[in-house]
């Protein structure tokens, strides 16, 4: 159940801390923990149109909190014409399935990992390559710059997919059930869960392991049963999904920082008036900024919670992984369009 209160960034950060505390202490659901985040605006009844947004993480996640608050503001600013209901924990299906639901018009929106869109247009690989972004701020500014990403984000409209915003998805590292990873040689023979895309499969191969695509909801059991030896993800996912319990060795490869996207069926967006489209775009931009602040708060707390659950964090031979992954960029930047985007992104870091 989603909250029905207008929420500011200050209240969101407070809600984020409360939610993490409640979940780690086992004292209640995330919805209960965040329900008192703001005493502002009481719900005045259902909106005329409620957009369903599929989401694959729990209610404590900064992306959920930012999107949920966006729905409240959208409802307020459109005088109750539109609202967004965020469905967490893959309740509407794994990300690959929810893309198909958006295409079919069964749901209006979904939150999906960047590499999944490579399956619809290989050019999306440009934001999914190792060491493309220097920082969270660099990623957010460049991926949401229409001069850099506008044409790419509209390229799937004829497939009933339109990207309306790019969110920070964390900095990914490898974790294992068997022991720490220090060099690519330590990944030899290990089956590591990756997001389903050719690029991620190739990346894990270069890193020394065997990439195994799998929906996020299946990973815990797969590692626990030995089907997988580990996975690669950011500290928030690692902690929130309690993967420290079954894969306690988290190794800071920091090999990848790709964006997560909010996608919408373009027919839904086109049906909005020009004024409501402008409000929607403004609120997406606000949500992206709010999510960025929430990430910064939650990463530290998530790391502490994982350590309390038994996780052991270690640094790796970063140069060895960088050298191993270097061929991937040359292999994937295969046309002038993506080379130009990549060059603009790297120029913005200088």
Protein backbone atom coordinates (compact mmCIF):
# COMPACT_ATOMS: atom_id res chain seq x y z
CA UNK A 1 0.00 0.00 0.00
CA UNK A 2 1.45 3.38 -0.97
CA UNK A 3 1.58 6.46 1.19
CA UNK A 4 -0.87 9.29 0.53
CA UNK A 5 1.03 12.21 1.99
CA UNK A 6 3.07 14.89 0.27
CA UNK A 7 6.70 14.37 1.15
CA UNK A 8 9.69 16.71 1.02
CA UNK A 9 13.29 15.60 0.57
CA UNK A 10 13.96 16.20 4.28
CA UNK A 11 11.03 13.98 5.23
CA UNK A 12 12.11 11.38 2.68
CA UNK A 13 15.57 11.14 4.21
CA UNK A 14 14.02 10.78 7.65
CA UNK A 15 11.67 8.12 6.33
CA UNK A 16 14.59 6.34 4.71
CA UNK A 17 16.50 6.10 7.99
CA UNK A 18 13.40 5.04 9.93
CA UNK A 19 12.55 2.36 7.38
CA UNK A 20 16.04 0.88 7.43
CA UNK A 21 16.06 0.89 11.22
CA UNK A 22 12.65 -0.77 11.42
CA UNK A 23 13.52 -3.45 8.90
CA UNK A 24 16.90 -4.28 10.43
CA UNK A 25 15.32 -4.49 13.87
CA UNK A 26 12.38 -6.52 12.62
CA UNK A 27 9.91 -4.07 14.18
CA UNK A 28 7.53 -3.56 11.29
CA UNK A 29 7.06 -3.18 7.58
CA UNK A 30 8.64 -0.41 5.53
CA UNK A 31 5.20 1.04 4.89
CA UNK A 32 4.57 1.30 8.61
CA UNK A 33 7.98 2.85 9.16
CA UNK A 34 7.59 5.48 6.44
CA UNK A 35 3.92 6.21 6.97
CA UNK A 36 4.63 8.95 9.48
CA UNK A 37 7.28 10.71 7.43
CA UNK A 38 5.19 13.83 6.94
CA UNK A 39 2.20 15.42 8.61
CA UNK A 40 1.36 17.37 5.48
CA UNK A 41 -1.66 17.05 3.19
CA UNK A 42 -4.10 14.29 4.00
CA UNK A 43 -5.41 12.25 1.07
CA UNK A 44 -8.55 13.75 -0.43
CA UNK A 45 -9.71 10.64 -2.27
CA UNK A 46 -8.60 8.61 -5.26
CA UNK A 47 -7.22 10.26 -8.37
CA UNK A 48 -9.15 10.10 -11.62
CA UNK A 49 -6.32 8.09 -13.24
CA UNK A 50 -3.75 6.06 -11.31
CA UNK A 51 -0.68 4.91 -13.22
CA UNK A 52 0.69 1.53 -12.16
CA UNK A 53 4.49 1.52 -11.86
CA UNK A 54 6.24 -1.84 -11.48
CA UNK A 55 9.25 -1.88 -9.17
CA UNK A 56 11.54 -4.75 -8.18
CA UNK A 57 12.90 -3.58 -4.81
CA UNK A 58 11.37 -3.15 -1.32
CA UNK A 59 9.58 -0.08 0.04
CA UNK A 60 12.73 0.97 1.91
CA UNK A 61 14.65 1.55 -1.31
CA UNK A 62 15.47 5.19 -2.22
CA UNK A 63 14.02 4.73 -5.68
CA UNK A 64 10.71 3.55 -4.23
CA UNK A 65 10.59 6.42 -1.74
CA UNK A 66 11.32 9.04 -4.41
CA UNK A 67 8.81 7.62 -6.90
CA UNK A 68 6.11 7.20 -4.27
CA UNK A 69 6.53 10.83 -3.21
CA UNK A 70 6.44 11.86 -6.86
CA UNK A 71 3.01 10.26 -7.18
CA UNK A 72 1.74 12.33 -4.27
CA UNK A 73 3.04 15.55 -5.79
CA UNK A 74 1.68 14.66 -9.22
CA UNK A 75 -1.76 14.14 -7.75
CA UNK A 76 -1.59 17.47 -5.93
CA UNK A 77 -0.30 19.45 -8.90
CA UNK A 78 -2.83 18.00 -11.36
CA UNK A 79 -5.75 18.59 -8.97
CA UNK A 80 -6.36 14.88 -8.63
CA UNK A 81 -6.30 14.02 -12.31
CA UNK A 82 -3.28 11.70 -12.05
CA UNK A 83 -1.47 9.66 -9.43
CA UNK A 84 1.18 6.93 -9.46
CA UNK A 85 0.99 3.70 -7.49
CA UNK A 86 4.34 1.97 -7.09
CA UNK A 87 4.17 -1.82 -6.80
CA UNK A 88 7.37 -3.01 -5.02
CA UNK A 89 9.06 -6.40 -4.64
CA UNK A 90 8.34 -7.63 -8.17
CA UNK A 91 4.64 -7.98 -7.35
CA UNK A 92 3.86 -7.24 -11.00
CA UNK A 93 6.64 -9.51 -12.27
CA UNK A 94 10.38 -9.47 -12.86
CA UNK A 95 11.75 -6.50 -14.77
CA UNK A 96 11.90 -8.25 -18.13
CA UNK A 97 8.22 -9.17 -17.80
CA UNK A 98 7.18 -5.67 -16.73
CA UNK A 99 8.74 -4.17 -19.86
CA UNK A 100 6.44 -6.39 -21.87
CA UNK A 101 3.48 -5.31 -19.74
CA UNK A 102 4.28 -1.66 -20.47
CA UNK A 103 4.53 -2.42 -24.18
CA UNK A 104 1.16 -4.15 -24.14
CA UNK A 105 -0.46 -1.31 -22.20
CA UNK A 106 -1.34 -3.62 -19.30
CA UNK A 107 0.52 -1.29 -16.95
CA UNK A 108 1.58 2.26 -17.64
CA UNK A 109 5.11 2.42 -16.21
CA UNK A 110 8.01 0.32 -14.96
CA UNK A 111 11.38 0.83 -13.33
CA UNK A 112 14.03 -1.23 -15.12
CA UNK A 113 17.78 -1.74 -15.09
CA UNK A 114 19.63 -0.13 -17.96
CA UNK A 115 21.08 -3.27 -19.57
CA UNK A 116 17.60 -4.71 -20.19
CA UNK A 117 16.93 -2.02 -22.79
CA UNK A 118 19.89 -3.25 -24.83
CA UNK A 119 17.60 -6.12 -25.83
CA UNK A 120 15.41 -3.57 -27.64
CA UNK A 121 18.11 -1.22 -28.94
CA UNK A 122 21.79 -2.22 -28.63
CA UNK A 123 22.78 1.46 -28.51
CA UNK A 124 21.69 1.60 -24.85
CA UNK A 125 24.97 -0.20 -24.14
CA UNK A 126 26.68 3.19 -24.15
CA UNK A 127 25.59 3.82 -20.53
CA UNK A 128 26.18 0.22 -19.42
CA UNK A 129 29.92 -0.07 -19.89
CA UNK A 130 32.55 -0.29 -17.14
CA UNK A 131 34.08 2.93 -15.84
CA UNK A 132 31.89 5.19 -18.02
CA UNK A 133 30.93 7.44 -15.10
CA UNK A 134 33.27 8.93 -12.52
CA UNK A 135 30.65 9.55 -9.85
CA UNK A 136 26.97 9.46 -9.03
CA UNK A 137 26.66 13.18 -9.82
CA UNK A 138 28.44 12.74 -13.16
CA UNK A 139 26.10 9.91 -14.09
CA UNK A 140 22.93 11.79 -13.13
CA UNK A 141 23.89 14.96 -15.00
CA UNK A 142 24.90 13.29 -18.25
CA UNK A 143 22.24 10.60 -18.58
CA UNK A 144 19.48 13.17 -18.04
CA UNK A 145 20.93 15.79 -20.39
CA UNK A 146 18.64 15.89 -23.47
CA UNK A 147 21.60 16.95 -25.60
CA UNK A 148 23.29 13.67 -24.72
CA UNK A 149 20.47 11.17 -24.17
CA UNK A 150 17.33 12.64 -25.77
CA UNK A 151 17.49 10.77 -29.06
CA UNK A 152 18.43 7.51 -27.36
CA UNK A 153 15.57 7.76 -24.85
CA UNK A 154 13.04 8.26 -27.68
CA UNK A 155 14.47 5.50 -29.86
CA UNK A 156 12.10 2.83 -28.51
CA UNK A 157 8.86 4.77 -28.97
CA UNK A 158 7.90 2.61 -31.95
CA UNK A 159 8.20 -0.41 -29.62
CA UNK A 160 5.85 1.19 -27.06
CA UNK A 161 8.68 2.10 -24.67
CA UNK A 162 9.74 5.63 -23.80
CA UNK A 163 12.42 6.47 -21.22
CA UNK A 164 11.36 9.44 -19.08
CA UNK A 165 14.30 9.56 -16.68
CA UNK A 166 17.53 7.91 -15.59
CA UNK A 167 18.09 7.21 -11.88
CA UNK A 168 21.25 6.25 -10.03
CA UNK A 169 21.41 2.50 -9.55
CA UNK A 170 24.43 2.28 -7.31
CA UNK A 171 27.99 1.15 -7.93
CA UNK A 172 28.16 -2.58 -8.50
CA UNK A 173 30.66 -5.00 -6.98
CA UNK A 174 30.89 -8.80 -6.75
CA UNK A 175 29.91 -10.87 -3.71
CA UNK A 176 30.43 -14.55 -3.13
CA UNK A 177 29.44 -17.39 -0.84
CA UNK A 178 32.85 -19.05 -1.02
CA UNK A 179 35.44 -16.43 -0.15
CA UNK A 180 36.72 -12.96 -1.05
CA UNK A 181 37.48 -11.97 -4.63
CA UNK A 182 40.82 -10.18 -5.07
CA UNK A 183 41.70 -10.70 -8.73
CA UNK A 184 39.92 -11.98 -11.86
CA UNK A 185 41.53 -15.37 -11.23
CA UNK A 186 39.44 -15.70 -8.05
CA UNK A 187 36.25 -15.71 -10.15
CA UNK A 188 37.33 -18.68 -12.25
CA UNK A 189 34.66 -21.36 -12.24
CA UNK A 190 32.19 -19.25 -10.27
CA UNK A 191 28.61 -18.75 -11.45
CA UNK A 192 27.65 -15.12 -10.76
CA UNK A 193 24.18 -13.69 -11.22
CA UNK A 194 24.04 -10.82 -13.73
CA UNK A 195 21.23 -8.85 -15.34
CA UNK A 196 20.11 -10.45 -18.58
CA UNK A 197 22.02 -8.74 -21.38
CA UNK A 198 24.77 -9.77 -23.73
CA UNK A 199 27.01 -7.01 -22.40
CA UNK A 200 26.76 -8.20 -18.79
CA UNK A 201 27.45 -11.76 -19.81
CA UNK A 202 30.56 -10.68 -21.72
CA UNK A 203 31.66 -8.43 -18.87
CA UNK A 204 31.51 -11.23 -16.30
CA UNK A 205 33.42 -13.51 -18.65
CA UNK A 206 36.20 -10.91 -18.95
CA UNK A 207 36.20 -10.55 -15.16
CA UNK A 208 36.92 -14.27 -14.90
CA UNK A 209 33.52 -15.70 -13.92
CA UNK A 210 30.48 -17.18 -15.62
CA UNK A 211 27.51 -14.82 -15.86
CA UNK A 212 24.11 -16.34 -15.08
CA UNK A 213 21.02 -14.22 -15.85
CA UNK A 214 18.27 -14.47 -13.24
CA UNK A 215 15.41 -12.42 -11.82
CA UNK A 216 16.31 -10.66 -8.58
CA UNK A 217 13.65 -12.50 -6.60
CA UNK A 218 15.31 -15.87 -7.30
CA UNK A 219 18.87 -14.98 -6.34
CA UNK A 220 18.77 -15.65 -2.58
CA UNK A 221 17.53 -19.21 -3.00
CA UNK A 222 19.89 -19.86 -5.91
CA UNK A 223 22.95 -18.87 -3.88
CA UNK A 224 21.67 -20.69 -0.81
CA UNK A 225 21.19 -23.91 -2.79
CA UNK A 226 24.50 -23.66 -4.65
CA UNK A 227 22.98 -22.98 -8.08
CA UNK A 228 24.89 -19.70 -7.96
CA UNK A 229 28.19 -18.92 -6.26
CA UNK A 230 27.37 -15.24 -5.91
CA UNK A 231 26.11 -12.11 -7.62
CA UNK A 232 27.12 -8.57 -8.44
CA UNK A 233 25.22 -5.55 -7.19
CA UNK A 234 25.40 -2.46 -5.01
CA UNK A 235 25.49 -2.36 -1.22
CA UNK A 236 21.79 -1.45 -0.90
CA UNK A 237 20.53 -4.47 -2.80
CA UNK A 238 23.04 -6.69 -1.05
CA UNK A 239 21.85 -5.55 2.39
CA UNK A 240 18.12 -5.06 1.74
CA UNK A 241 17.71 -8.52 0.20
CA UNK A 242 19.76 -10.07 3.03
CA UNK A 243 22.27 -11.61 0.65
CA UNK A 244 24.95 -11.21 3.34
CA UNK A 245 23.33 -14.23 5.01
CA UNK A 246 24.22 -16.54 2.14
CA UNK A 247 27.11 -14.71 0.41
CA UNK A 248 29.07 -12.91 3.13
CA UNK A 249 32.12 -11.93 1.06
CA UNK A 250 31.56 -8.54 -0.64
CA UNK A 251 34.51 -7.51 -2.81
CA UNK A 252 34.77 -3.91 -4.04
CA UNK A 253 35.39 -4.47 -7.74
CA UNK A 254 33.33 -1.30 -8.44
CA UNK A 255 33.21 -2.46 -12.02
CA UNK A 256 30.00 -0.83 -13.11
CA UNK A 257 27.66 2.09 -12.54
CA UNK A 258 24.74 1.93 -14.94
CA UNK A 259 21.48 3.89 -14.70
CA UNK A 260 18.05 2.54 -13.92
CA UNK A 261 15.23 3.91 -16.05
CA UNK A 262 11.60 4.83 -15.57
CA UNK A 263 9.85 3.76 -18.75
CA UNK A 264 6.31 4.56 -19.87
CA UNK A 265 4.11 3.51 -22.74
CA UNK A 266 4.37 6.56 -25.05
CA UNK A 267 0.62 6.47 -25.69
CA UNK A 268 0.09 7.20 -21.97
CA UNK A 269 2.39 10.20 -22.12
CA UNK A 270 0.82 11.47 -25.35
CA UNK A 271 -2.65 11.36 -23.75
CA UNK A 272 -1.62 13.98 -21.18
CA UNK A 273 -2.26 17.64 -21.91
CA UNK A 274 0.80 19.79 -22.59
CA UNK A 275 0.53 21.29 -19.12
CA UNK A 276 0.32 17.88 -17.47
CA UNK A 277 3.22 16.59 -19.55
CA UNK A 278 5.28 19.53 -18.29
CA UNK A 279 4.28 18.79 -14.68
CA UNK A 280 5.15 15.12 -15.16
CA UNK A 281 8.60 15.99 -16.55
CA UNK A 282 9.27 18.41 -13.70
CA UNK A 283 8.30 15.82 -11.11
CA UNK A 284 10.52 13.15 -12.68
CA UNK A 285 13.43 15.60 -12.43
CA UNK A 286 12.65 16.28 -8.76
CA UNK A 287 12.38 12.55 -8.02
CA UNK A 288 15.80 11.94 -9.62
CA UNK A 289 17.39 14.57 -7.35
CA UNK A 290 15.63 13.22 -4.26
CA UNK A 291 16.69 9.67 -5.02
CA UNK A 292 20.31 10.83 -5.28
CA UNK A 293 20.24 12.25 -1.76
CA UNK A 294 18.57 9.14 -0.39
CA UNK A 295 21.27 6.92 -1.91
CA UNK A 296 23.95 8.82 -0.04
CA UNK A 297 22.12 8.32 3.25
CA UNK A 298 21.29 4.66 2.72
CA UNK A 299 24.60 3.27 1.46
CA UNK A 300 26.35 3.85 4.77
CA UNK A 301 23.48 2.41 6.76
CA UNK A 302 23.22 -0.60 4.43
CA UNK A 303 26.92 -1.37 4.77
CA UNK A 304 26.67 -1.30 8.56
CA UNK A 305 23.60 -3.55 8.49
CA UNK A 306 25.34 -6.06 6.21
CA UNK A 307 28.39 -6.13 8.48
CA UNK A 308 26.12 -6.78 11.44
CA UNK A 309 24.68 -9.73 9.49
CA UNK A 310 28.15 -11.18 8.97
CA UNK A 311 29.35 -9.55 5.76
CA UNK A 312 33.07 -9.03 5.21
CA UNK A 313 34.03 -6.21 2.82
CA UNK A 314 37.38 -6.17 1.03
CA UNK A 315 39.21 -4.09 -1.54
CA UNK A 316 40.46 -5.77 -4.71
CA UNK A 317 43.26 -5.39 -7.25
CA UNK A 318 41.44 -2.61 -9.12
CA UNK A 319 44.07 -2.33 -11.86
CA UNK A 320 43.72 -6.03 -12.67
CA UNK A 321 39.96 -5.71 -13.16
CA UNK A 322 40.31 -2.50 -15.17
CA UNK A 323 42.80 -4.20 -17.47
CA UNK A 324 40.55 -7.24 -17.85
CA UNK A 325 37.54 -5.10 -18.79
CA UNK A 326 39.32 -2.65 -21.10
CA UNK A 327 38.49 -4.55 -24.32
CA UNK A 328 34.74 -4.32 -23.67
CA UNK A 329 34.38 -0.62 -24.52
CA UNK A 330 36.13 -0.96 -27.86
CA UNK A 331 34.03 -3.99 -28.69
CA UNK A 332 30.71 -2.32 -27.82
CA UNK A 333 31.11 1.23 -29.12
CA UNK A 334 30.55 0.13 -32.68
CA UNK A 335 28.92 3.13 -34.37
CA UNK A 336 29.28 6.92 -34.51
CA UNK A 337 26.06 7.50 -32.54
CA UNK A 338 27.21 5.69 -29.40
CA UNK A 339 30.81 6.85 -29.77
CA UNK A 340 29.56 10.45 -29.81
CA UNK A 341 27.42 9.91 -26.69
CA UNK A 342 30.29 8.23 -24.87
CA UNK A 343 32.67 11.03 -25.82
CA UNK A 344 30.24 13.65 -24.48
CA UNK A 345 29.86 11.75 -21.21
CA UNK A 346 33.60 11.45 -20.73
CA UNK A 347 34.14 15.11 -21.67
CA UNK A 348 31.68 16.14 -18.95
CA UNK A 349 33.89 14.41 -16.38
CA UNK A 350 36.93 16.49 -17.24
